[in-house]
Amino acid sequence: MKKVVIIGASGHAKVIADIVIKSGDELVGFLDDNTELPESIIGYPYLGTVDKYSGYADERFFIIGIGNNLIRKKIAERVDARWYTAVHPSAQLAIDTHIGEGTAVMANAVINTSAVIGRHCIINTGSIIEHDNRIGDYVHISPNATLCGTVLVGELTHIGAGATIKNNISVCGNVIVGAGATVVRNIAEQGTFVGIPARNTASDH
């Protein structure tokens, strides 16, 4: 059984807390820079600001419960800790899937054979990561998004809720794919892509 501290205390952090508890590990509490938080969050203590992490680092693992990709990256680079990987018991992972440290895999997510998920990613509720996907670090795959086979997603990209990415597609880093969008062509430039098929919103101006 691992002792786990969550960095962040918002709704996303509470979802990760549920995964920690259901995985049979011990939730120690939450660190967050919002000093106006209550003393108790879903029955577990608010431990103080993020810079207090070193006081808990010796025997504990940490996970960043913050949805913003760039903030997760900044915290991961700032905090020298052992990272916890959270996988909900209902998630379906192929036996040869690789999940990077600090990543959270939510309830009913499916990650199929030979997929590689980077560090500090979010594979959110009910999302589907098909075979041979390569997901970069600090990526957020939102609820019910579907990535078909052999999709590549670059670092810090956000795939919106219910979005679909066709097989054999590459999406570069620092991209936002809007909710419900369908990506049928490679995305090689940063920007926000929405619609069916997905288009860069900058091209509409």
N, C-alpha and C. Protein backbone atom coordinates (compact mmCIF):
# COMPACT_ATOMS: atom_id res chain seq x y z
N MET A 1 0.84 -1.20 0.00
CA MET A 1 0.00 0.00 0.00
C MET A 1 0.88 1.25 0.00
N LYS A 2 0.61 2.15 -0.93
CA LYS A 2 1.36 3.40 -1.03
C LYS A 2 0.61 4.53 -0.33
N LYS A 3 1.36 5.44 0.25
CA LYS A 3 0.80 6.65 0.83
C LYS A 3 0.92 7.76 -0.21
N VAL A 4 -0.22 8.41 -0.54
CA VAL A 4 -0.28 9.30 -1.70
C VAL A 4 -0.73 10.69 -1.27
N VAL A 5 0.00 11.70 -1.75
CA VAL A 5 -0.40 13.10 -1.61
C VAL A 5 -0.78 13.62 -2.99
N ILE A 6 -1.91 14.30 -3.07
CA ILE A 6 -2.38 14.87 -4.33
C ILE A 6 -2.07 16.36 -4.35
N ILE A 7 -1.43 16.81 -5.41
CA ILE A 7 -1.16 18.24 -5.60
C ILE A 7 -2.32 18.80 -6.41
N GLY A 8 -3.07 19.73 -5.80
CA GLY A 8 -4.31 20.22 -6.37
C GLY A 8 -5.45 19.76 -5.49
N ALA A 9 -6.55 20.53 -5.50
CA ALA A 9 -7.66 20.18 -4.62
C ALA A 9 -9.01 20.51 -5.24
N SER A 10 -9.05 20.57 -6.57
CA SER A 10 -10.29 20.89 -7.27
C SER A 10 -11.05 19.60 -7.60
N GLY A 11 -12.03 19.72 -8.49
CA GLY A 11 -12.81 18.55 -8.86
C GLY A 11 -11.97 17.44 -9.45
N HIS A 12 -11.01 17.80 -10.31
CA HIS A 12 -10.16 16.78 -10.92
C HIS A 12 -9.36 16.04 -9.85
N ALA A 13 -8.85 16.78 -8.87
CA ALA A 13 -8.09 16.15 -7.79
C ALA A 13 -8.97 15.18 -7.00
N LYS A 14 -10.22 15.52 -6.81
CA LYS A 14 -11.12 14.64 -6.06
C LYS A 14 -11.41 13.35 -6.83
N VAL A 15 -11.45 13.44 -8.16
CA VAL A 15 -11.60 12.21 -8.96
C VAL A 15 -10.39 11.31 -8.78
N ILE A 16 -9.19 11.91 -8.78
CA ILE A 16 -7.99 11.12 -8.56
C ILE A 16 -7.98 10.53 -7.15
N ALA A 17 -8.46 11.30 -6.18
CA ALA A 17 -8.55 10.78 -4.82
C ALA A 17 -9.39 9.51 -4.77
N ASP A 18 -10.48 9.50 -5.49
CA ASP A 18 -11.34 8.32 -5.54
C ASP A 18 -10.59 7.12 -6.11
N ILE A 19 -9.75 7.37 -7.14
CA ILE A 19 -8.97 6.28 -7.73
C ILE A 19 -7.96 5.74 -6.72
N VAL A 20 -7.28 6.64 -6.02
CA VAL A 20 -6.30 6.21 -5.02
C VAL A 20 -6.96 5.30 -3.99
N ILE A 21 -8.10 5.73 -3.48
CA ILE A 21 -8.79 4.96 -2.43
C ILE A 21 -9.26 3.62 -2.97
N LYS A 22 -9.86 3.62 -4.16
CA LYS A 22 -10.39 2.38 -4.73
C LYS A 22 -9.27 1.42 -5.16
N SER A 23 -8.06 1.95 -5.33
CA SER A 23 -6.91 1.10 -5.66
C SER A 23 -6.30 0.45 -4.43
N GLY A 24 -6.82 0.78 -3.25
CA GLY A 24 -6.32 0.20 -2.02
C GLY A 24 -5.14 0.91 -1.42
N ASP A 25 -4.82 2.10 -1.94
CA ASP A 25 -3.73 2.88 -1.39
C ASP A 25 -4.27 3.91 -0.40
N GLU A 26 -3.36 4.55 0.34
CA GLU A 26 -3.75 5.47 1.40
C GLU A 26 -3.63 6.91 0.92
N LEU A 27 -4.71 7.66 0.96
CA LEU A 27 -4.70 9.08 0.61
C LEU A 27 -4.32 9.87 1.85
N VAL A 28 -3.18 10.55 1.78
CA VAL A 28 -2.69 11.33 2.92
C VAL A 28 -3.41 12.67 2.98
N GLY A 29 -3.62 13.32 1.82
CA GLY A 29 -4.28 14.61 1.78
C GLY A 29 -3.90 15.38 0.53
N PHE A 30 -4.19 16.68 0.55
CA PHE A 30 -4.07 17.54 -0.62
C PHE A 30 -3.15 18.72 -0.34
N LEU A 31 -2.33 19.05 -1.33
CA LEU A 31 -1.56 20.29 -1.32
C LEU A 31 -2.11 21.21 -2.40
N ASP A 32 -2.26 22.49 -2.09
CA ASP A 32 -2.79 23.44 -3.06
C ASP A 32 -2.39 24.85 -2.63
N ASP A 33 -2.08 25.69 -3.61
CA ASP A 33 -1.67 27.06 -3.30
C ASP A 33 -2.82 27.98 -2.92
N ASN A 34 -4.05 27.49 -3.02
CA ASN A 34 -5.21 28.24 -2.55
C ASN A 34 -5.33 28.07 -1.03
N THR A 35 -4.87 29.07 -0.29
CA THR A 35 -4.83 28.96 1.16
C THR A 35 -6.20 29.17 1.82
N GLU A 36 -7.22 29.43 1.03
CA GLU A 36 -8.56 29.60 1.58
C GLU A 36 -9.38 28.32 1.54
N LEU A 37 -8.75 27.21 1.21
CA LEU A 37 -9.45 25.93 1.19
C LEU A 37 -9.83 25.51 2.60
N PRO A 38 -10.89 24.71 2.73
CA PRO A 38 -11.26 24.21 4.06
C PRO A 38 -10.21 23.23 4.57
N GLU A 39 -10.26 22.96 5.86
CA GLU A 39 -9.29 22.05 6.48
C GLU A 39 -9.45 20.62 5.97
N SER A 40 -10.66 20.27 5.51
CA SER A 40 -10.94 18.92 5.06
C SER A 40 -11.59 18.95 3.68
N ILE A 41 -11.10 18.10 2.79
CA ILE A 41 -11.63 17.97 1.43
C ILE A 41 -12.04 16.52 1.24
N ILE A 42 -13.30 16.29 0.98
CA ILE A 42 -13.91 14.95 0.92
C ILE A 42 -13.40 14.05 2.06
N GLY A 43 -13.24 14.66 3.23
CA GLY A 43 -12.86 13.90 4.41
C GLY A 43 -11.36 13.72 4.61
N TYR A 44 -10.53 14.34 3.76
CA TYR A 44 -9.08 14.22 3.87
C TYR A 44 -8.47 15.60 4.03
N PRO A 45 -7.35 15.70 4.74
CA PRO A 45 -6.86 17.02 5.13
C PRO A 45 -6.23 17.85 4.01
N TYR A 46 -6.45 19.15 4.09
CA TYR A 46 -5.67 20.11 3.31
C TYR A 46 -4.35 20.30 4.03
N LEU A 47 -3.26 19.98 3.35
CA LEU A 47 -1.95 19.91 3.99
C LEU A 47 -1.13 21.19 3.86
N GLY A 48 -1.61 22.13 3.04
CA GLY A 48 -0.87 23.37 2.85
C GLY A 48 -0.54 23.62 1.40
N THR A 49 0.33 24.59 1.17
CA THR A 49 0.69 24.97 -0.20
C THR A 49 1.66 23.96 -0.81
N VAL A 50 1.82 24.06 -2.14
CA VAL A 50 2.61 23.06 -2.86
C VAL A 50 4.05 23.00 -2.36
N ASP A 51 4.61 24.13 -1.96
CA ASP A 51 6.00 24.13 -1.52
C ASP A 51 6.23 23.37 -0.21
N LYS A 52 5.15 22.92 0.41
CA LYS A 52 5.27 22.10 1.61
C LYS A 52 5.51 20.62 1.28
N TYR A 53 5.60 20.30 0.00
CA TYR A 53 5.69 18.90 -0.40
C TYR A 53 6.90 18.20 0.21
N SER A 54 8.00 18.91 0.38
CA SER A 54 9.23 18.27 0.86
C SER A 54 9.05 17.65 2.24
N GLY A 55 8.13 18.20 3.03
CA GLY A 55 7.87 17.63 4.35
C GLY A 55 7.18 16.28 4.31
N TYR A 56 6.67 15.91 3.14
CA TYR A 56 5.96 14.64 3.00
C TYR A 56 6.68 13.68 2.04
N ALA A 57 7.84 14.08 1.53
CA ALA A 57 8.44 13.38 0.38
C ALA A 57 9.09 12.05 0.75
N ASP A 58 9.53 11.86 1.99
CA ASP A 58 10.36 10.70 2.30
C ASP A 58 9.68 9.37 2.04
N GLU A 59 8.46 9.21 2.51
CA GLU A 59 7.81 7.90 2.42
C GLU A 59 6.54 7.94 1.58
N ARG A 60 6.35 9.00 0.84
CA ARG A 60 5.08 9.16 0.14
C ARG A 60 5.27 9.36 -1.35
N PHE A 61 4.19 9.09 -2.09
CA PHE A 61 4.15 9.32 -3.52
C PHE A 61 3.24 10.51 -3.79
N PHE A 62 3.44 11.15 -4.93
CA PHE A 62 2.68 12.34 -5.28
C PHE A 62 2.07 12.17 -6.67
N ILE A 63 0.94 12.81 -6.88
CA ILE A 63 0.33 12.91 -8.20
C ILE A 63 -0.29 14.29 -8.32
N ILE A 64 -0.22 14.86 -9.52
CA ILE A 64 -0.72 16.21 -9.75
C ILE A 64 -2.16 16.12 -10.24
N GLY A 65 -3.08 16.59 -9.41
CA GLY A 65 -4.50 16.54 -9.74
C GLY A 65 -5.00 17.85 -10.29
N ILE A 66 -4.39 18.30 -11.37
CA ILE A 66 -4.74 19.58 -12.00
C ILE A 66 -4.94 19.34 -13.49
N GLY A 67 -6.05 19.82 -14.03
CA GLY A 67 -6.40 19.52 -15.41
C GLY A 67 -5.59 20.29 -16.45
N ASN A 68 -5.07 21.46 -16.09
CA ASN A 68 -4.34 22.29 -17.05
C ASN A 68 -2.97 21.66 -17.35
N ASN A 69 -2.73 21.36 -18.62
CA ASN A 69 -1.50 20.65 -19.00
C ASN A 69 -0.23 21.41 -18.64
N LEU A 70 -0.21 22.70 -18.95
CA LEU A 70 1.00 23.49 -18.72
C LEU A 70 1.29 23.62 -17.22
N ILE A 71 0.26 23.78 -16.41
CA ILE A 71 0.47 23.86 -14.97
C ILE A 71 1.02 22.54 -14.44
N ARG A 72 0.49 21.41 -14.93
CA ARG A 72 1.04 20.12 -14.51
C ARG A 72 2.52 20.02 -14.85
N LYS A 73 2.89 20.48 -16.05
CA LYS A 73 4.29 20.41 -16.44
C LYS A 73 5.16 21.26 -15.51
N LYS A 74 4.71 22.47 -15.23
CA LYS A 74 5.50 23.37 -14.38
C LYS A 74 5.68 22.78 -12.98
N ILE A 75 4.62 22.19 -12.44
CA ILE A 75 4.72 21.59 -11.11
C ILE A 75 5.64 20.37 -11.14
N ALA A 76 5.50 19.54 -12.16
CA ALA A 76 6.34 18.34 -12.25
C ALA A 76 7.82 18.69 -12.34
N GLU A 77 8.13 19.79 -13.00
CA GLU A 77 9.52 20.22 -13.13
C GLU A 77 10.03 20.88 -11.84
N ARG A 78 9.12 21.35 -11.02
CA ARG A 78 9.48 22.06 -9.79
C ARG A 78 9.57 21.13 -8.59
N VAL A 79 8.80 20.07 -8.58
CA VAL A 79 8.70 19.18 -7.42
C VAL A 79 9.58 17.95 -7.65
N ASP A 80 10.48 17.71 -6.73
CA ASP A 80 11.35 16.54 -6.79
C ASP A 80 10.76 15.46 -5.88
N ALA A 81 10.01 14.55 -6.50
CA ALA A 81 9.27 13.58 -5.69
C ALA A 81 9.12 12.27 -6.45
N ARG A 82 8.71 11.26 -5.74
CA ARG A 82 8.31 10.00 -6.39
C ARG A 82 6.87 10.15 -6.86
N TRP A 83 6.63 9.80 -8.11
CA TRP A 83 5.32 10.04 -8.71
C TRP A 83 4.46 8.78 -8.69
N TYR A 84 3.21 9.00 -8.40
CA TYR A 84 2.20 7.93 -8.33
C TYR A 84 1.44 7.89 -9.65
N THR A 85 1.20 6.71 -10.16
CA THR A 85 0.38 6.52 -11.35
C THR A 85 -0.96 5.97 -10.92
N ALA A 86 -2.03 6.69 -11.24
CA ALA A 86 -3.37 6.33 -10.77
C ALA A 86 -4.15 5.66 -11.90
N VAL A 87 -4.57 4.44 -11.70
CA VAL A 87 -5.36 3.70 -12.70
C VAL A 87 -6.61 3.18 -12.02
N HIS A 88 -7.76 3.67 -12.46
CA HIS A 88 -9.03 3.23 -11.86
C HIS A 88 -9.22 1.73 -12.07
N PRO A 89 -9.73 1.01 -11.09
CA PRO A 89 -9.91 -0.44 -11.23
C PRO A 89 -10.79 -0.85 -12.41
N SER A 90 -11.67 0.03 -12.87
CA SER A 90 -12.55 -0.32 -14.00
C SER A 90 -11.92 -0.03 -15.35
N ALA A 91 -10.75 0.62 -15.39
CA ALA A 91 -10.08 0.88 -16.67
C ALA A 91 -9.59 -0.44 -17.27
N GLN A 92 -9.60 -0.51 -18.59
CA GLN A 92 -9.18 -1.72 -19.30
C GLN A 92 -7.86 -1.43 -20.01
N LEU A 93 -6.79 -2.05 -19.53
CA LEU A 93 -5.47 -1.85 -20.10
C LEU A 93 -4.94 -3.15 -20.67
N ALA A 94 -4.44 -3.08 -21.91
CA ALA A 94 -3.81 -4.27 -22.49
C ALA A 94 -2.55 -4.62 -21.71
N ILE A 95 -2.14 -5.87 -21.80
CA ILE A 95 -1.03 -6.34 -20.98
C ILE A 95 0.29 -5.68 -21.37
N ASP A 96 0.41 -5.17 -22.58
CA ASP A 96 1.68 -4.56 -23.01
C ASP A 96 1.59 -3.04 -23.10
N THR A 97 0.57 -2.46 -22.48
CA THR A 97 0.46 -1.00 -22.43
C THR A 97 1.52 -0.43 -21.50
N HIS A 98 2.10 0.71 -21.88
CA HIS A 98 3.04 1.41 -21.01
C HIS A 98 2.41 2.72 -20.56
N ILE A 99 2.36 2.94 -19.26
CA ILE A 99 1.79 4.16 -18.68
C ILE A 99 2.90 4.91 -17.96
N GLY A 100 3.17 6.15 -18.34
CA GLY A 100 4.21 6.93 -17.72
C GLY A 100 3.87 7.35 -16.30
N GLU A 101 4.90 7.68 -15.51
CA GLU A 101 4.71 8.04 -14.12
C GLU A 101 3.89 9.33 -14.00
N GLY A 102 3.07 9.39 -12.96
CA GLY A 102 2.27 10.57 -12.70
C GLY A 102 1.01 10.68 -13.53
N THR A 103 0.74 9.71 -14.38
CA THR A 103 -0.45 9.73 -15.24
C THR A 103 -1.66 9.21 -14.47
N ALA A 104 -2.84 9.75 -14.81
CA ALA A 104 -4.10 9.30 -14.23
C ALA A 104 -4.97 8.70 -15.33
N VAL A 105 -5.44 7.49 -15.11
CA VAL A 105 -6.35 6.80 -16.04
C VAL A 105 -7.67 6.63 -15.31
N MET A 106 -8.72 7.27 -15.83
CA MET A 106 -9.99 7.35 -15.12
C MET A 106 -10.88 6.13 -15.39
N ALA A 107 -12.03 6.15 -14.75
CA ALA A 107 -12.97 5.03 -14.82
C ALA A 107 -13.40 4.74 -16.26
N ASN A 108 -13.44 3.45 -16.59
CA ASN A 108 -13.95 2.94 -17.86
C ASN A 108 -13.15 3.38 -19.08
N ALA A 109 -11.95 3.91 -18.87
CA ALA A 109 -11.08 4.17 -20.01
C ALA A 109 -10.57 2.84 -20.57
N VAL A 110 -10.29 2.84 -21.87
CA VAL A 110 -9.74 1.65 -22.53
C VAL A 110 -8.44 2.04 -23.22
N ILE A 111 -7.37 1.31 -22.91
CA ILE A 111 -6.08 1.53 -23.57
C ILE A 111 -5.65 0.18 -24.13
N ASN A 112 -5.59 0.11 -25.45
CA ASN A 112 -5.37 -1.19 -26.10
C ASN A 112 -3.91 -1.46 -26.40
N THR A 113 -3.66 -2.60 -27.01
CA THR A 113 -2.33 -3.18 -27.10
C THR A 113 -1.29 -2.26 -27.74
N SER A 114 -0.10 -2.28 -27.17
CA SER A 114 1.08 -1.56 -27.68
C SER A 114 0.95 -0.05 -27.63
N ALA A 115 -0.03 0.45 -26.87
CA ALA A 115 -0.13 1.90 -26.67
C ALA A 115 0.90 2.34 -25.64
N VAL A 116 1.44 3.54 -25.85
CA VAL A 116 2.41 4.12 -24.93
C VAL A 116 1.89 5.48 -24.50
N ILE A 117 1.68 5.65 -23.20
CA ILE A 117 1.17 6.90 -22.63
C ILE A 117 2.30 7.58 -21.87
N GLY A 118 2.48 8.87 -22.10
CA GLY A 118 3.58 9.60 -21.49
C GLY A 118 3.38 9.89 -20.01
N ARG A 119 4.22 10.77 -19.50
CA ARG A 119 4.23 11.14 -18.09
C ARG A 119 3.19 12.24 -17.82
N HIS A 120 2.57 12.16 -16.64
CA HIS A 120 1.67 13.21 -16.16
C HIS A 120 0.54 13.52 -17.16
N CYS A 121 0.03 12.48 -17.78
CA CYS A 121 -1.12 12.62 -18.69
C CYS A 121 -2.42 12.40 -17.93
N ILE A 122 -3.52 12.79 -18.57
CA ILE A 122 -4.85 12.47 -18.08
C ILE A 122 -5.56 11.69 -19.18
N ILE A 123 -5.93 10.46 -18.87
CA ILE A 123 -6.76 9.65 -19.78
C ILE A 123 -8.12 9.59 -19.10
N ASN A 124 -9.02 10.45 -19.52
CA ASN A 124 -10.21 10.72 -18.73
C ASN A 124 -11.31 9.68 -18.94
N THR A 125 -12.38 9.86 -18.21
CA THR A 125 -13.46 8.89 -18.09
C THR A 125 -13.99 8.43 -19.45
N GLY A 126 -13.98 7.11 -19.65
CA GLY A 126 -14.60 6.53 -20.84
C GLY A 126 -13.87 6.80 -22.14
N SER A 127 -12.67 7.33 -22.09
CA SER A 127 -11.94 7.58 -23.34
C SER A 127 -11.36 6.27 -23.88
N ILE A 128 -11.11 6.25 -25.19
CA ILE A 128 -10.60 5.05 -25.85
C ILE A 128 -9.29 5.39 -26.55
N ILE A 129 -8.23 4.71 -26.14
CA ILE A 129 -6.92 4.85 -26.75
C ILE A 129 -6.64 3.51 -27.44
N GLU A 130 -6.71 3.51 -28.76
CA GLU A 130 -6.61 2.24 -29.48
C GLU A 130 -5.15 1.78 -29.62
N HIS A 131 -4.98 0.65 -30.29
CA HIS A 131 -3.67 0.01 -30.41
C HIS A 131 -2.61 0.92 -31.04
N ASP A 132 -1.41 0.80 -30.53
CA ASP A 132 -0.22 1.45 -31.11
C ASP A 132 -0.26 2.97 -31.06
N ASN A 133 -1.09 3.53 -30.19
CA ASN A 133 -1.05 4.99 -29.99
C ASN A 133 0.24 5.37 -29.27
N ARG A 134 0.69 6.59 -29.52
CA ARG A 134 1.82 7.19 -28.79
C ARG A 134 1.35 8.55 -28.28
N ILE A 135 1.20 8.67 -26.98
CA ILE A 135 0.69 9.88 -26.36
C ILE A 135 1.84 10.55 -25.61
N GLY A 136 2.15 11.80 -25.96
CA GLY A 136 3.26 12.50 -25.34
C GLY A 136 2.98 12.90 -23.91
N ASP A 137 3.99 13.47 -23.25
CA ASP A 137 3.86 13.90 -21.87
C ASP A 137 2.87 15.06 -21.73
N TYR A 138 2.20 15.13 -20.59
CA TYR A 138 1.32 16.25 -20.22
C TYR A 138 0.15 16.44 -21.19
N VAL A 139 -0.33 15.36 -21.75
CA VAL A 139 -1.49 15.38 -22.64
C VAL A 139 -2.74 15.10 -21.82
N HIS A 140 -3.86 15.72 -22.22
CA HIS A 140 -5.15 15.46 -21.59
C HIS A 140 -6.10 14.92 -22.67
N ILE A 141 -6.53 13.68 -22.50
CA ILE A 141 -7.55 13.08 -23.36
C ILE A 141 -8.86 13.13 -22.57
N SER A 142 -9.81 13.94 -23.03
CA SER A 142 -11.02 14.22 -22.26
C SER A 142 -12.03 13.07 -22.32
N PRO A 143 -13.08 13.14 -21.48
CA PRO A 143 -14.06 12.05 -21.43
C PRO A 143 -14.65 11.71 -22.80
N ASN A 144 -14.72 10.41 -23.04
CA ASN A 144 -15.37 9.84 -24.23
C ASN A 144 -14.70 10.21 -25.54
N ALA A 145 -13.48 10.72 -25.50
CA ALA A 145 -12.73 10.90 -26.74
C ALA A 145 -12.28 9.54 -27.26
N THR A 146 -12.16 9.42 -28.58
CA THR A 146 -11.73 8.17 -29.21
C THR A 146 -10.54 8.43 -30.11
N LEU A 147 -9.44 7.77 -29.82
CA LEU A 147 -8.26 7.82 -30.67
C LEU A 147 -8.11 6.46 -31.31
N CYS A 148 -8.32 6.40 -32.62
CA CYS A 148 -8.24 5.13 -33.33
C CYS A 148 -6.79 4.65 -33.43
N GLY A 149 -6.55 3.57 -34.12
CA GLY A 149 -5.25 2.93 -34.10
C GLY A 149 -4.12 3.79 -34.65
N THR A 150 -2.95 3.65 -34.04
CA THR A 150 -1.70 4.26 -34.50
C THR A 150 -1.82 5.78 -34.62
N VAL A 151 -2.35 6.39 -33.59
CA VAL A 151 -2.43 7.86 -33.51
C VAL A 151 -1.25 8.35 -32.67
N LEU A 152 -0.65 9.45 -33.10
CA LEU A 152 0.43 10.09 -32.36
C LEU A 152 -0.06 11.45 -31.86
N VAL A 153 0.14 11.73 -30.58
CA VAL A 153 -0.28 13.00 -29.99
C VAL A 153 0.91 13.62 -29.28
N GLY A 154 1.24 14.86 -29.64
CA GLY A 154 2.40 15.53 -29.07
C GLY A 154 2.17 16.10 -27.69
N GLU A 155 3.26 16.46 -27.02
CA GLU A 155 3.26 16.97 -25.65
C GLU A 155 2.34 18.18 -25.49
N LEU A 156 1.64 18.22 -24.37
CA LEU A 156 0.80 19.34 -23.94
C LEU A 156 -0.48 19.53 -24.76
N THR A 157 -0.80 18.59 -25.60
CA THR A 157 -2.03 18.72 -26.40
C THR A 157 -3.25 18.30 -25.58
N HIS A 158 -4.37 18.95 -25.86
CA HIS A 158 -5.64 18.67 -25.19
C HIS A 158 -6.64 18.19 -26.23
N ILE A 159 -7.16 16.98 -26.03
CA ILE A 159 -8.19 16.42 -26.91
C ILE A 159 -9.52 16.54 -26.18
N GLY A 160 -10.46 17.30 -26.74
CA GLY A 160 -11.71 17.61 -26.07
C GLY A 160 -12.66 16.44 -25.93
N ALA A 161 -13.66 16.63 -25.10
CA ALA A 161 -14.64 15.59 -24.81
C ALA A 161 -15.36 15.14 -26.08
N GLY A 162 -15.44 13.84 -26.28
CA GLY A 162 -16.16 13.29 -27.41
C GLY A 162 -15.49 13.47 -28.75
N ALA A 163 -14.27 13.99 -28.79
CA ALA A 163 -13.55 14.14 -30.06
C ALA A 163 -13.13 12.77 -30.59
N THR A 164 -12.97 12.70 -31.91
CA THR A 164 -12.53 11.46 -32.56
C THR A 164 -11.32 11.77 -33.44
N ILE A 165 -10.29 10.96 -33.32
CA ILE A 165 -9.13 11.08 -34.18
C ILE A 165 -9.00 9.81 -35.00
N LYS A 166 -9.04 9.96 -36.32
CA LYS A 166 -8.97 8.84 -37.25
C LYS A 166 -7.64 8.10 -37.10
N ASN A 167 -7.63 6.83 -37.51
CA ASN A 167 -6.41 6.05 -37.41
C ASN A 167 -5.28 6.62 -38.28
N ASN A 168 -4.06 6.38 -37.83
CA ASN A 168 -2.83 6.79 -38.54
C ASN A 168 -2.67 8.30 -38.65
N ILE A 169 -3.22 9.03 -37.70
CA ILE A 169 -3.13 10.50 -37.69
C ILE A 169 -2.09 10.94 -36.67
N SER A 170 -1.39 12.01 -37.01
CA SER A 170 -0.43 12.62 -36.10
C SER A 170 -0.91 14.01 -35.72
N VAL A 171 -0.91 14.29 -34.43
CA VAL A 171 -1.29 15.61 -33.91
C VAL A 171 -0.08 16.15 -33.15
N CYS A 172 0.40 17.31 -33.54
CA CYS A 172 1.61 17.85 -32.92
C CYS A 172 1.32 18.36 -31.51
N GLY A 173 2.35 18.84 -30.83
CA GLY A 173 2.22 19.34 -29.48
C GLY A 173 1.54 20.69 -29.41
N ASN A 174 1.05 21.02 -28.21
CA ASN A 174 0.43 22.33 -27.94
C ASN A 174 -0.77 22.63 -28.83
N VAL A 175 -1.59 21.61 -29.06
CA VAL A 175 -2.80 21.75 -29.87
C VAL A 175 -4.01 21.55 -28.96
N ILE A 176 -5.11 22.24 -29.27
CA ILE A 176 -6.39 21.97 -28.65
C ILE A 176 -7.33 21.43 -29.73
N VAL A 177 -7.85 20.25 -29.51
CA VAL A 177 -8.89 19.68 -30.38
C VAL A 177 -10.20 19.84 -29.63
N GLY A 178 -11.12 20.59 -30.19
CA GLY A 178 -12.35 20.93 -29.50
C GLY A 178 -13.26 19.74 -29.25
N ALA A 179 -14.17 19.92 -28.32
CA ALA A 179 -15.14 18.87 -27.99
C ALA A 179 -15.94 18.50 -29.23
N GLY A 180 -16.08 17.22 -29.47
CA GLY A 180 -16.88 16.72 -30.57
C GLY A 180 -16.23 16.82 -31.94
N ALA A 181 -15.03 17.32 -32.03
CA ALA A 181 -14.35 17.46 -33.32
C ALA A 181 -13.95 16.09 -33.86
N THR A 182 -13.80 16.01 -35.19
CA THR A 182 -13.31 14.80 -35.84
C THR A 182 -12.08 15.15 -36.66
N VAL A 183 -10.97 14.55 -36.30
CA VAL A 183 -9.69 14.84 -36.96
C VAL A 183 -9.43 13.76 -38.00
N VAL A 184 -9.38 14.15 -39.26
CA VAL A 184 -9.17 13.19 -40.35
C VAL A 184 -7.88 13.46 -41.12
N ARG A 185 -7.18 14.55 -40.79
CA ARG A 185 -5.90 14.86 -41.42
C ARG A 185 -4.87 15.19 -40.33
N ASN A 186 -3.61 14.97 -40.63
CA ASN A 186 -2.56 15.30 -39.67
C ASN A 186 -2.63 16.78 -39.28
N ILE A 187 -2.33 17.04 -38.02
CA ILE A 187 -2.24 18.42 -37.53
C ILE A 187 -0.77 18.69 -37.21
N ALA A 188 -0.17 19.60 -37.98
CA ALA A 188 1.26 19.86 -37.86
C ALA A 188 1.56 21.27 -37.38
N GLU A 189 0.51 22.01 -36.98
CA GLU A 189 0.70 23.38 -36.50
C GLU A 189 -0.10 23.57 -35.23
N GLN A 190 0.44 24.39 -34.32
CA GLN A 190 -0.27 24.67 -33.09
C GLN A 190 -1.54 25.47 -33.39
N GLY A 191 -2.53 25.30 -32.53
CA GLY A 191 -3.78 26.03 -32.71
C GLY A 191 -4.93 25.27 -32.09
N THR A 192 -6.13 25.81 -32.30
CA THR A 192 -7.36 25.18 -31.83
C THR A 192 -8.13 24.68 -33.03
N PHE A 193 -8.48 23.40 -33.01
CA PHE A 193 -9.11 22.75 -34.15
C PHE A 193 -10.49 22.26 -33.72
N VAL A 194 -11.53 22.68 -34.45
CA VAL A 194 -12.90 22.34 -34.11
C VAL A 194 -13.65 21.90 -35.36
N GLY A 195 -14.78 21.21 -35.13
CA GLY A 195 -15.68 20.89 -36.23
C GLY A 195 -15.46 19.52 -36.83
N ILE A 196 -16.29 19.22 -37.84
CA ILE A 196 -16.24 17.94 -38.56
C ILE A 196 -16.19 18.24 -40.07
N PRO A 197 -15.04 18.01 -40.72
CA PRO A 197 -13.76 17.63 -40.12
C PRO A 197 -13.13 18.82 -39.38
N ALA A 198 -12.21 18.53 -38.49
CA ALA A 198 -11.62 19.58 -37.66
C ALA A 198 -10.81 20.55 -38.50
N ARG A 199 -11.01 21.85 -38.21
CA ARG A 199 -10.25 22.91 -38.89
C ARG A 199 -9.67 23.85 -37.85
N ASN A 200 -8.56 24.47 -38.21
CA ASN A 200 -7.93 25.45 -37.33
C ASN A 200 -8.80 26.69 -37.28
N THR A 201 -9.18 27.11 -36.09
CA THR A 201 -10.05 28.28 -35.96
C THR A 201 -9.39 29.53 -36.51
N ALA A 202 -8.05 29.57 -36.57
CA ALA A 202 -7.35 30.74 -37.12
C ALA A 202 -7.63 30.92 -38.60
N SER A 203 -7.98 29.83 -39.30
CA SER A 203 -8.24 29.91 -40.74
C SER A 203 -9.59 30.55 -41.04
N ASP A 204 -10.42 30.76 -39.98
CA ASP A 204 -11.73 31.36 -40.19
C ASP A 204 -11.66 32.89 -40.19
N HIS A 205 -10.48 33.44 -39.94
CA HIS A 205 -10.34 34.91 -39.86
C HIS A 205 -9.56 35.43 -41.05
